[in-house]
């Protein structure tokens, strides 16, 4: 399976900033087991987890995760 998205340099900046500031974005399987094909995107900010209600397939998870990283970077970067 190929990734659907290759991160840009700016994406890497957003990602690194979020990791340094305790913001994590990760996939969570909808069902248990090896045959699972759908995922939620979960966001953890200072150990508080929230999962998106929308379900994603593996091909779109990466691009959605980087959109969330950008969102949190833009929202909190000036406040830290």
PDB file of N, CA and C in Angstrom:
ATOM      1  N   UNK A   1       0.849  -1.182   0.000  1.00  0.00           N
ATOM      2  CA  UNK A   1       0.000   0.000   0.000  1.00  0.00           C
ATOM      3  C   UNK A   1       0.891   1.239   0.000  1.00  0.00           C
ATOM      4  N   UNK A   2       0.604   2.150  -0.868  1.00  0.00           N
ATOM      5  CA  UNK A   2       1.346   3.406  -0.934  1.00  0.00           C
ATOM      6  C   UNK A   2       0.698   4.457  -0.052  1.00  0.00           C
ATOM      7  N   UNK A   3       1.523   5.370   0.436  1.00  0.00           N
ATOM      8  CA  UNK A   3       0.974   6.509   1.153  1.00  0.00           C
ATOM      9  C   UNK A   3       0.321   7.446   0.149  1.00  0.00           C
ATOM     10  N   UNK A   4      -0.707   8.110   0.588  1.00  0.00           N
ATOM     11  CA  UNK A   4      -1.427   9.014  -0.295  1.00  0.00           C
ATOM     12  C   UNK A   4      -0.817  10.403  -0.335  1.00  0.00           C
ATOM     13  N   UNK A   5       0.114  10.680   0.539  1.00  0.00           N
ATOM     14  CA  UNK A   5       0.591  12.050   0.692  1.00  0.00           C
ATOM     15  C   UNK A   5       2.054  12.045   1.114  1.00  0.00           C
ATOM     16  N   UNK A   6       2.838  12.885   0.485  1.00  0.00           N
ATOM     17  CA  UNK A   6       4.228  13.064   0.878  1.00  0.00           C
ATOM     18  C   UNK A   6       4.338  14.420   1.565  1.00  0.00           C
ATOM     19  N   UNK A   7       4.793  14.432   2.825  1.00  0.00           N
ATOM     20  CA  UNK A   7       4.859  15.697   3.563  1.00  0.00           C
ATOM     21  C   UNK A   7       5.824  16.702   2.945  1.00  0.00           C
ATOM     22  N   UNK A   8       5.438  17.964   3.000  1.00  0.00           N
ATOM     23  CA  UNK A   8       6.292  19.050   2.543  1.00  0.00           C
ATOM     24  C   UNK A   8       7.200  19.481   3.696  1.00  0.00           C
ATOM     25  N   UNK A   9       8.139  20.365   3.407  1.00  0.00           N
ATOM     26  CA  UNK A   9       9.000  20.894   4.467  1.00  0.00           C
ATOM     27  C   UNK A   9       8.168  21.628   5.515  1.00  0.00           C
ATOM     28  N   UNK A  10       7.147  22.344   5.068  1.00  0.00           N
ATOM     29  CA  UNK A  10       6.289  23.066   6.006  1.00  0.00           C
ATOM     30  C   UNK A  10       5.498  22.088   6.881  1.00  0.00           C
ATOM     31  N   UNK A  11       5.049  20.969   6.301  1.00  0.00           N
ATOM     32  CA  UNK A  11       4.361  19.936   7.081  1.00  0.00           C
ATOM     33  C   UNK A  11       5.258  19.405   8.186  1.00  0.00           C
ATOM     34  N   UNK A  12       6.525  19.207   7.871  1.00  0.00           N
ATOM     35  CA  UNK A  12       7.473  18.700   8.864  1.00  0.00           C
ATOM     36  C   UNK A  12       7.673  19.724   9.983  1.00  0.00           C
ATOM     37  N   UNK A  13       7.691  20.994   9.647  1.00  0.00           N
ATOM     38  CA  UNK A  13       7.788  22.052  10.664  1.00  0.00           C
ATOM     39  C   UNK A  13       6.569  22.001  11.589  1.00  0.00           C
ATOM     40  N   UNK A  14       5.380  21.891  11.017  1.00  0.00           N
ATOM     41  CA  UNK A  14       4.150  21.807  11.825  1.00  0.00           C
ATOM     42  C   UNK A  14       4.194  20.574  12.724  1.00  0.00           C
ATOM     43  N   UNK A  15       4.573  19.435  12.159  1.00  0.00           N
ATOM     44  CA  UNK A  15       4.649  18.188  12.911  1.00  0.00           C
ATOM     45  C   UNK A  15       5.612  18.315  14.085  1.00  0.00           C
ATOM     46  N   UNK A  16       6.828  18.781  13.814  1.00  0.00           N
ATOM     47  CA  UNK A  16       7.839  18.902  14.874  1.00  0.00           C
ATOM     48  C   UNK A  16       7.395  19.864  15.969  1.00  0.00           C
ATOM     49  N   UNK A  17       6.782  20.978  15.578  1.00  0.00           N
ATOM     50  CA  UNK A  17       6.320  21.931  16.567  1.00  0.00           C
ATOM     51  C   UNK A  17       5.256  21.288  17.460  1.00  0.00           C
ATOM     52  N   UNK A  18       4.328  20.562  16.858  1.00  0.00           N
ATOM     53  CA  UNK A  18       3.265  19.914  17.634  1.00  0.00           C
ATOM     54  C   UNK A  18       3.829  18.871  18.597  1.00  0.00           C
ATOM     55  N   UNK A  19       4.756  18.056  18.128  1.00  0.00           N
ATOM     56  CA  UNK A  19       5.357  17.037  18.992  1.00  0.00           C
ATOM     57  C   UNK A  19       6.055  17.687  20.183  1.00  0.00           C
ATOM     58  N   UNK A  20       6.791  18.767  19.938  1.00  0.00           N
ATOM     59  CA  UNK A  20       7.492  19.471  21.017  1.00  0.00           C
ATOM     60  C   UNK A  20       6.527  20.110  22.008  1.00  0.00           C
ATOM     61  N   UNK A  21       5.294  20.349  21.569  1.00  0.00           N
ATOM     62  CA  UNK A  21       4.306  21.011  22.427  1.00  0.00           C
ATOM     63  C   UNK A  21       3.179  20.077  22.855  1.00  0.00           C
ATOM     64  N   UNK A  22       3.476  18.788  22.908  1.00  0.00           N
ATOM     65  CA  UNK A  22       2.554  17.762  23.421  1.00  0.00           C
ATOM     66  C   UNK A  22       1.233  17.687  22.650  1.00  0.00           C
ATOM     67  N   UNK A  23       1.305  17.849  21.343  1.00  0.00           N
ATOM     68  CA  UNK A  23       0.134  17.686  20.485  1.00  0.00           C
ATOM     69  C   UNK A  23       0.438  16.518  19.558  1.00  0.00           C
ATOM     70  N   UNK A  24      -0.429  15.513  19.621  1.00  0.00           N
ATOM     71  CA  UNK A  24      -0.197  14.288  18.859  1.00  0.00           C
ATOM     72  C   UNK A  24      -1.425  13.974  18.021  1.00  0.00           C
ATOM     73  N   UNK A  25      -1.240  13.575  16.781  1.00  0.00           N
ATOM     74  CA  UNK A  25      -2.332  13.185  15.886  1.00  0.00           C
ATOM     75  C   UNK A  25      -2.023  11.769  15.415  1.00  0.00           C
ATOM     76  N   UNK A  26      -2.990  10.857  15.548  1.00  0.00           N
ATOM     77  CA  UNK A  26      -2.721   9.467  15.186  1.00  0.00           C
ATOM     78  C   UNK A  26      -4.002   8.755  14.769  1.00  0.00           C
ATOM     79  N   UNK A  27      -3.864   7.685  13.971  1.00  0.00           N
ATOM     80  CA  UNK A  27      -5.036   6.903  13.570  1.00  0.00           C
ATOM     81  C   UNK A  27      -5.416   5.909  14.660  1.00  0.00           C
ATOM     82  N   UNK A  28      -6.710   5.661  14.779  1.00  0.00           N
ATOM     83  CA  UNK A  28      -7.224   4.671  15.712  1.00  0.00           C
ATOM     84  C   UNK A  28      -8.183   3.778  14.927  1.00  0.00           C
ATOM     85  N   UNK A  29      -7.966   2.464  14.911  1.00  0.00           N
ATOM     86  CA  UNK A  29      -8.819   1.594  14.109  1.00  0.00           C
ATOM     87  C   UNK A  29     -10.269   1.609  14.584  1.00  0.00           C
ATOM     88  N   UNK A  30     -11.182   1.538  13.632  1.00  0.00           N
ATOM     89  CA  UNK A  30     -12.606   1.482  13.950  1.00  0.00           C
ATOM     90  C   UNK A  30     -12.937   0.138  14.591  1.00  0.00           C
ATOM     91  N   UNK A  31     -12.337  -0.925  14.068  1.00  0.00           N
ATOM     92  CA  UNK A  31     -12.551  -2.277  14.594  1.00  0.00           C
ATOM     93  C   UNK A  31     -11.208  -2.902  14.929  1.00  0.00           C
ATOM     94  N   UNK A  32     -11.237  -3.882  15.798  1.00  0.00           N
ATOM     95  CA  UNK A  32     -10.027  -4.614  16.132  1.00  0.00           C
ATOM     96  C   UNK A  32      -9.765  -5.680  15.079  1.00  0.00           C
ATOM     97  N   UNK A  33      -8.516  -6.047  14.923  1.00  0.00           N
ATOM     98  CA  UNK A  33      -8.171  -7.140  14.031  1.00  0.00           C
ATOM     99  C   UNK A  33      -7.398  -6.697  12.813  1.00  0.00           C
ATOM    100  N   UNK A  34      -6.881  -7.684  12.111  1.00  0.00           N
ATOM    101  CA  UNK A  34      -6.030  -7.422  10.952  1.00  0.00           C
ATOM    102  C   UNK A  34      -6.809  -6.986   9.722  1.00  0.00           C
ATOM    103  N   UNK A  35      -8.083  -7.258   9.676  1.00  0.00           N
ATOM    104  CA  UNK A  35      -8.872  -6.929   8.499  1.00  0.00           C
ATOM    105  C   UNK A  35      -9.450  -5.516   8.552  1.00  0.00           C
ATOM    106  N   UNK A  36      -9.140  -4.772   9.594  1.00  0.00           N
ATOM    107  CA  UNK A  36      -9.665  -3.415   9.715  1.00  0.00           C
ATOM    108  C   UNK A  36      -9.180  -2.552   8.557  1.00  0.00           C
ATOM    109  N   UNK A  37     -10.087  -1.826   7.947  1.00  0.00           N
ATOM    110  CA  UNK A  37      -9.746  -0.973   6.806  1.00  0.00           C
ATOM    111  C   UNK A  37     -10.126   0.488   7.045  1.00  0.00           C
ATOM    112  N   UNK A  38     -10.717   0.783   8.190  1.00  0.00           N
ATOM    113  CA  UNK A  38     -11.168   2.143   8.472  1.00  0.00           C
ATOM    114  C   UNK A  38     -10.605   2.628   9.797  1.00  0.00           C
ATOM    115  N   UNK A  39     -10.380   3.942   9.849  1.00  0.00           N
ATOM    116  CA  UNK A  39      -9.757   4.533  11.031  1.00  0.00           C
ATOM    117  C   UNK A  39     -10.421   5.857  11.401  1.00  0.00           C
ATOM    118  N   UNK A  40     -10.343   6.167  12.690  1.00  0.00           N
ATOM    119  CA  UNK A  40     -10.656   7.506  13.174  1.00  0.00           C
ATOM    120  C   UNK A  40      -9.325   8.246  13.282  1.00  0.00           C
ATOM    121  N   UNK A  41      -9.366   9.551  13.238  1.00  0.00           N
ATOM    122  CA  UNK A  41      -8.186  10.358  13.542  1.00  0.00           C
ATOM    123  C   UNK A  41      -8.380  10.875  14.968  1.00  0.00           C
ATOM    124  N   UNK A  42      -7.396  10.625  15.820  1.00  0.00           N
ATOM    125  CA  UNK A  42      -7.456  11.096  17.202  1.00  0.00           C
ATOM    126  C   UNK A  42      -6.399  12.167  17.415  1.00  0.00           C
ATOM    127  N   UNK A  43      -6.764  13.127  18.231  1.00  0.00           N
ATOM    128  CA  UNK A  43      -5.863  14.228  18.561  1.00  0.00           C
ATOM    129  C   UNK A  43      -5.700  14.234  20.073  1.00  0.00           C
ATOM    130  N   UNK A  44      -4.462  14.283  20.510  1.00  0.00           N
ATOM    131  CA  UNK A  44      -4.170  14.337  21.938  1.00  0.00           C
ATOM    132  C   UNK A  44      -3.418  15.635  22.210  1.00  0.00           C
ATOM    133  N   UNK A  45      -4.013  16.478  23.033  1.00  0.00           N
ATOM    134  CA  UNK A  45      -3.395  17.740  23.429  1.00  0.00           C
ATOM    135  C   UNK A  45      -3.231  17.698  24.947  1.00  0.00           C
ATOM    136  N   UNK A  46      -1.969  17.717  25.392  1.00  0.00           N
ATOM    137  CA  UNK A  46      -1.672  17.639  26.824  1.00  0.00           C
ATOM    138  C   UNK A  46      -2.393  16.480  27.496  1.00  0.00           C
ATOM    139  N   UNK A  47      -2.343  15.319  26.852  1.00  0.00           N
ATOM    140  CA  UNK A  47      -2.908  14.056  27.347  1.00  0.00           C
ATOM    141  C   UNK A  47      -4.432  14.014  27.353  1.00  0.00           C
ATOM    142  N   UNK A  48      -5.102  14.978  26.728  1.00  0.00           N
ATOM    143  CA  UNK A  48      -6.553  14.942  26.547  1.00  0.00           C
ATOM    144  C   UNK A  48      -6.835  14.490  25.125  1.00  0.00           C
ATOM    145  N   UNK A  49      -7.482  13.327  24.995  1.00  0.00           N
ATOM    146  CA  UNK A  49      -7.721  12.749  23.680  1.00  0.00           C
ATOM    147  C   UNK A  49      -9.115  13.085  23.165  1.00  0.00           C
ATOM    148  N   UNK A  50      -9.187  13.400  21.872  1.00  0.00           N
ATOM    149  CA  UNK A  50     -10.462  13.590  21.175  1.00  0.00           C
ATOM    150  C   UNK A  50     -10.333  12.915  19.821  1.00  0.00           C
ATOM    151  N   UNK A  51     -11.341  12.098  19.462  1.00  0.00           N
ATOM    152  CA  UNK A  51     -11.327  11.414  18.174  1.00  0.00           C
ATOM    153  C   UNK A  51     -12.374  12.023  17.255  1.00  0.00           C
ATOM    154  N   UNK A  52     -11.972  12.256  16.022  1.00  0.00           N
ATOM    155  CA  UNK A  52     -12.853  12.768  14.988  1.00  0.00           C
ATOM    156  C   UNK A  52     -13.968  11.748  14.746  1.00  0.00           C
ATOM    157  N   UNK A  53     -15.185  12.204  14.537  1.00  0.00           N
ATOM    158  CA  UNK A  53     -16.311  11.302  14.275  1.00  0.00           C
ATOM    159  C   UNK A  53     -16.266  10.706  12.877  1.00  0.00           C
ATOM    160  N   UNK A  54     -15.579  11.369  11.981  1.00  0.00           N
ATOM    161  CA  UNK A  54     -15.512  10.892  10.604  1.00  0.00           C
ATOM    162  C   UNK A  54     -14.577   9.685  10.519  1.00  0.00           C
ATOM    163  N   UNK A  55     -14.895   8.762   9.629  1.00  0.00           N
ATOM    164  CA  UNK A  55     -14.092   7.565   9.412  1.00  0.00           C
ATOM    165  C   UNK A  55     -13.280   7.755   8.129  1.00  0.00           C
ATOM    166  N   UNK A  56     -12.012   7.360   8.176  1.00  0.00           N
ATOM    167  CA  UNK A  56     -11.102   7.537   7.049  1.00  0.00           C
ATOM    168  C   UNK A  56     -10.542   6.198   6.595  1.00  0.00           C
ATOM    169  N   UNK A  57     -10.239   6.109   5.306  1.00  0.00           N
ATOM    170  CA  UNK A  57      -9.550   4.913   4.819  1.00  0.00           C
ATOM    171  C   UNK A  57      -8.046   5.170   4.918  1.00  0.00           C
ATOM    172  N   UNK A  58      -7.238   4.109   4.844  1.00  0.00           N
ATOM    173  CA  UNK A  58      -5.794   4.272   5.044  1.00  0.00           C
ATOM    174  C   UNK A  58      -5.124   5.224   4.051  1.00  0.00           C
ATOM    175  N   UNK A  59      -5.691   5.387   2.876  1.00  0.00           N
ATOM    176  CA  UNK A  59      -5.066   6.232   1.860  1.00  0.00           C
ATOM    177  C   UNK A  59      -5.206   7.728   2.149  1.00  0.00           C
ATOM    178  N   UNK A  60      -6.132   8.110   3.009  1.00  0.00           N
ATOM    179  CA  UNK A  60      -6.313   9.537   3.283  1.00  0.00           C
ATOM    180  C   UNK A  60      -5.860   9.960   4.673  1.00  0.00           C
ATOM    181  N   UNK A  61      -5.455   9.028   5.496  1.00  0.00           N
ATOM    182  CA  UNK A  61      -5.087   9.332   6.879  1.00  0.00           C
ATOM    183  C   UNK A  61      -3.916  10.314   6.970  1.00  0.00           C
ATOM    184  N   UNK A  62      -2.890  10.094   6.180  1.00  0.00           N
ATOM    185  CA  UNK A  62      -1.690  10.926   6.276  1.00  0.00           C
ATOM    186  C   UNK A  62      -1.987  12.390   5.966  1.00  0.00           C
ATOM    187  N   UNK A  63      -2.704  12.643   4.886  1.00  0.00           N
ATOM    188  CA  UNK A  63      -2.995  14.034   4.524  1.00  0.00           C
ATOM    189  C   UNK A  63      -3.888  14.699   5.566  1.00  0.00           C
ATOM    190  N   UNK A  64      -4.838  13.969   6.119  1.00  0.00           N
ATOM    191  CA  UNK A  64      -5.718  14.524   7.148  1.00  0.00           C
ATOM    192  C   UNK A  64      -4.917  14.830   8.418  1.00  0.00           C
ATOM    193  N   UNK A  65      -4.019  13.936   8.785  1.00  0.00           N
ATOM    194  CA  UNK A  65      -3.195  14.155   9.978  1.00  0.00           C
ATOM    195  C   UNK A  65      -2.362  15.426   9.837  1.00  0.00           C
ATOM    196  N   UNK A  66      -1.772  15.652   8.668  1.00  0.00           N
ATOM    197  CA  UNK A  66      -0.974  16.865   8.465  1.00  0.00           C
ATOM    198  C   UNK A  66      -1.846  18.121   8.449  1.00  0.00           C
ATOM    199  N   UNK A  67      -3.080  18.007   8.024  1.00  0.00           N
ATOM    200  CA  UNK A  67      -4.000  19.155   8.100  1.00  0.00           C
ATOM    201  C   UNK A  67      -4.273  19.507   9.561  1.00  0.00           C
ATOM    202  N   UNK A  68      -4.437  18.488  10.399  1.00  0.00           N
ATOM    203  CA  UNK A  68      -4.628  18.748  11.833  1.00  0.00           C
ATOM    204  C   UNK A  68      -3.370  19.361  12.449  1.00  0.00           C
ATOM    205  N   UNK A  69      -2.199  18.854  12.090  1.00  0.00           N
ATOM    206  CA  UNK A  69      -0.958  19.451  12.607  1.00  0.00           C
ATOM    207  C   UNK A  69      -0.867  20.923  12.232  1.00  0.00           C
ATOM    208  N   UNK A  70      -1.195  21.249  11.001  1.00  0.00           N
ATOM    209  CA  UNK A  70      -1.176  22.647  10.566  1.00  0.00           C
ATOM    210  C   UNK A  70      -2.185  23.475  11.354  1.00  0.00           C
ATOM    211  N   UNK A  71      -3.378  22.923  11.563  1.00  0.00           N
ATOM    212  CA  UNK A  71      -4.415  23.632  12.308  1.00  0.00           C
ATOM    213  C   UNK A  71      -3.917  23.991  13.714  1.00  0.00           C
ATOM    214  N   UNK A  72      -3.354  23.027  14.426  1.00  0.00           N
ATOM    215  CA  UNK A  72      -2.894  23.292  15.786  1.00  0.00           C
ATOM    216  C   UNK A  72      -1.658  24.183  15.806  1.00  0.00           C
ATOM    217  N   UNK A  73      -0.806  24.047  14.823  1.00  0.00           N
ATOM    218  CA  UNK A  73       0.346  24.951  14.708  1.00  0.00           C
ATOM    219  C   UNK A  73      -0.135  26.391  14.541  1.00  0.00           C
ATOM    220  N   UNK A  74      -1.059  26.600  13.606  1.00  0.00           N
ATOM    221  CA  UNK A  74      -1.576  27.951  13.360  1.00  0.00           C
ATOM    222  C   UNK A  74      -2.333  28.502  14.570  1.00  0.00           C
ATOM    223  N   UNK A  75      -3.045  27.635  15.263  1.00  0.00           N
ATOM    224  CA  UNK A  75      -3.871  28.080  16.395  1.00  0.00           C
ATOM    225  C   UNK A  75      -3.027  28.455  17.620  1.00  0.00           C
ATOM    226  N   UNK A  76      -2.021  27.658  17.936  1.00  0.00           N
ATOM    227  CA  UNK A  76      -1.300  27.827  19.203  1.00  0.00           C
ATOM    228  C   UNK A  76       0.127  28.358  19.072  1.00  0.00           C
ATOM    229  N   UNK A  77       0.693  28.403  17.904  1.00  0.00           N
ATOM    230  CA  UNK A  77       2.104  28.760  17.758  1.00  0.00           C
ATOM    231  C   UNK A  77       2.418  30.130  18.355  1.00  0.00           C
ATOM    232  N   UNK A  78       1.582  31.099  18.179  1.00  0.00           N
ATOM    233  CA  UNK A  78       1.856  32.447  18.696  1.00  0.00           C
ATOM    234  C   UNK A  78       1.641  32.545  20.204  1.00  0.00           C
ATOM    235  N   UNK A  79       0.909  31.594  20.772  1.00  0.00           N
ATOM    236  CA  UNK A  79       0.594  31.635  22.200  1.00  0.00           C
ATOM    237  C   UNK A  79       1.666  30.969  23.048  1.00  0.00           C
ATOM    238  N   UNK A  80       2.526  30.175  22.441  1.00  0.00           N
ATOM    239  CA  UNK A  80       3.527  29.424  23.230  1.00  0.00           C
ATOM    240  C   UNK A  80       4.807  30.208  23.298  1.00  0.00           C
TER     241      UNK A  80
END
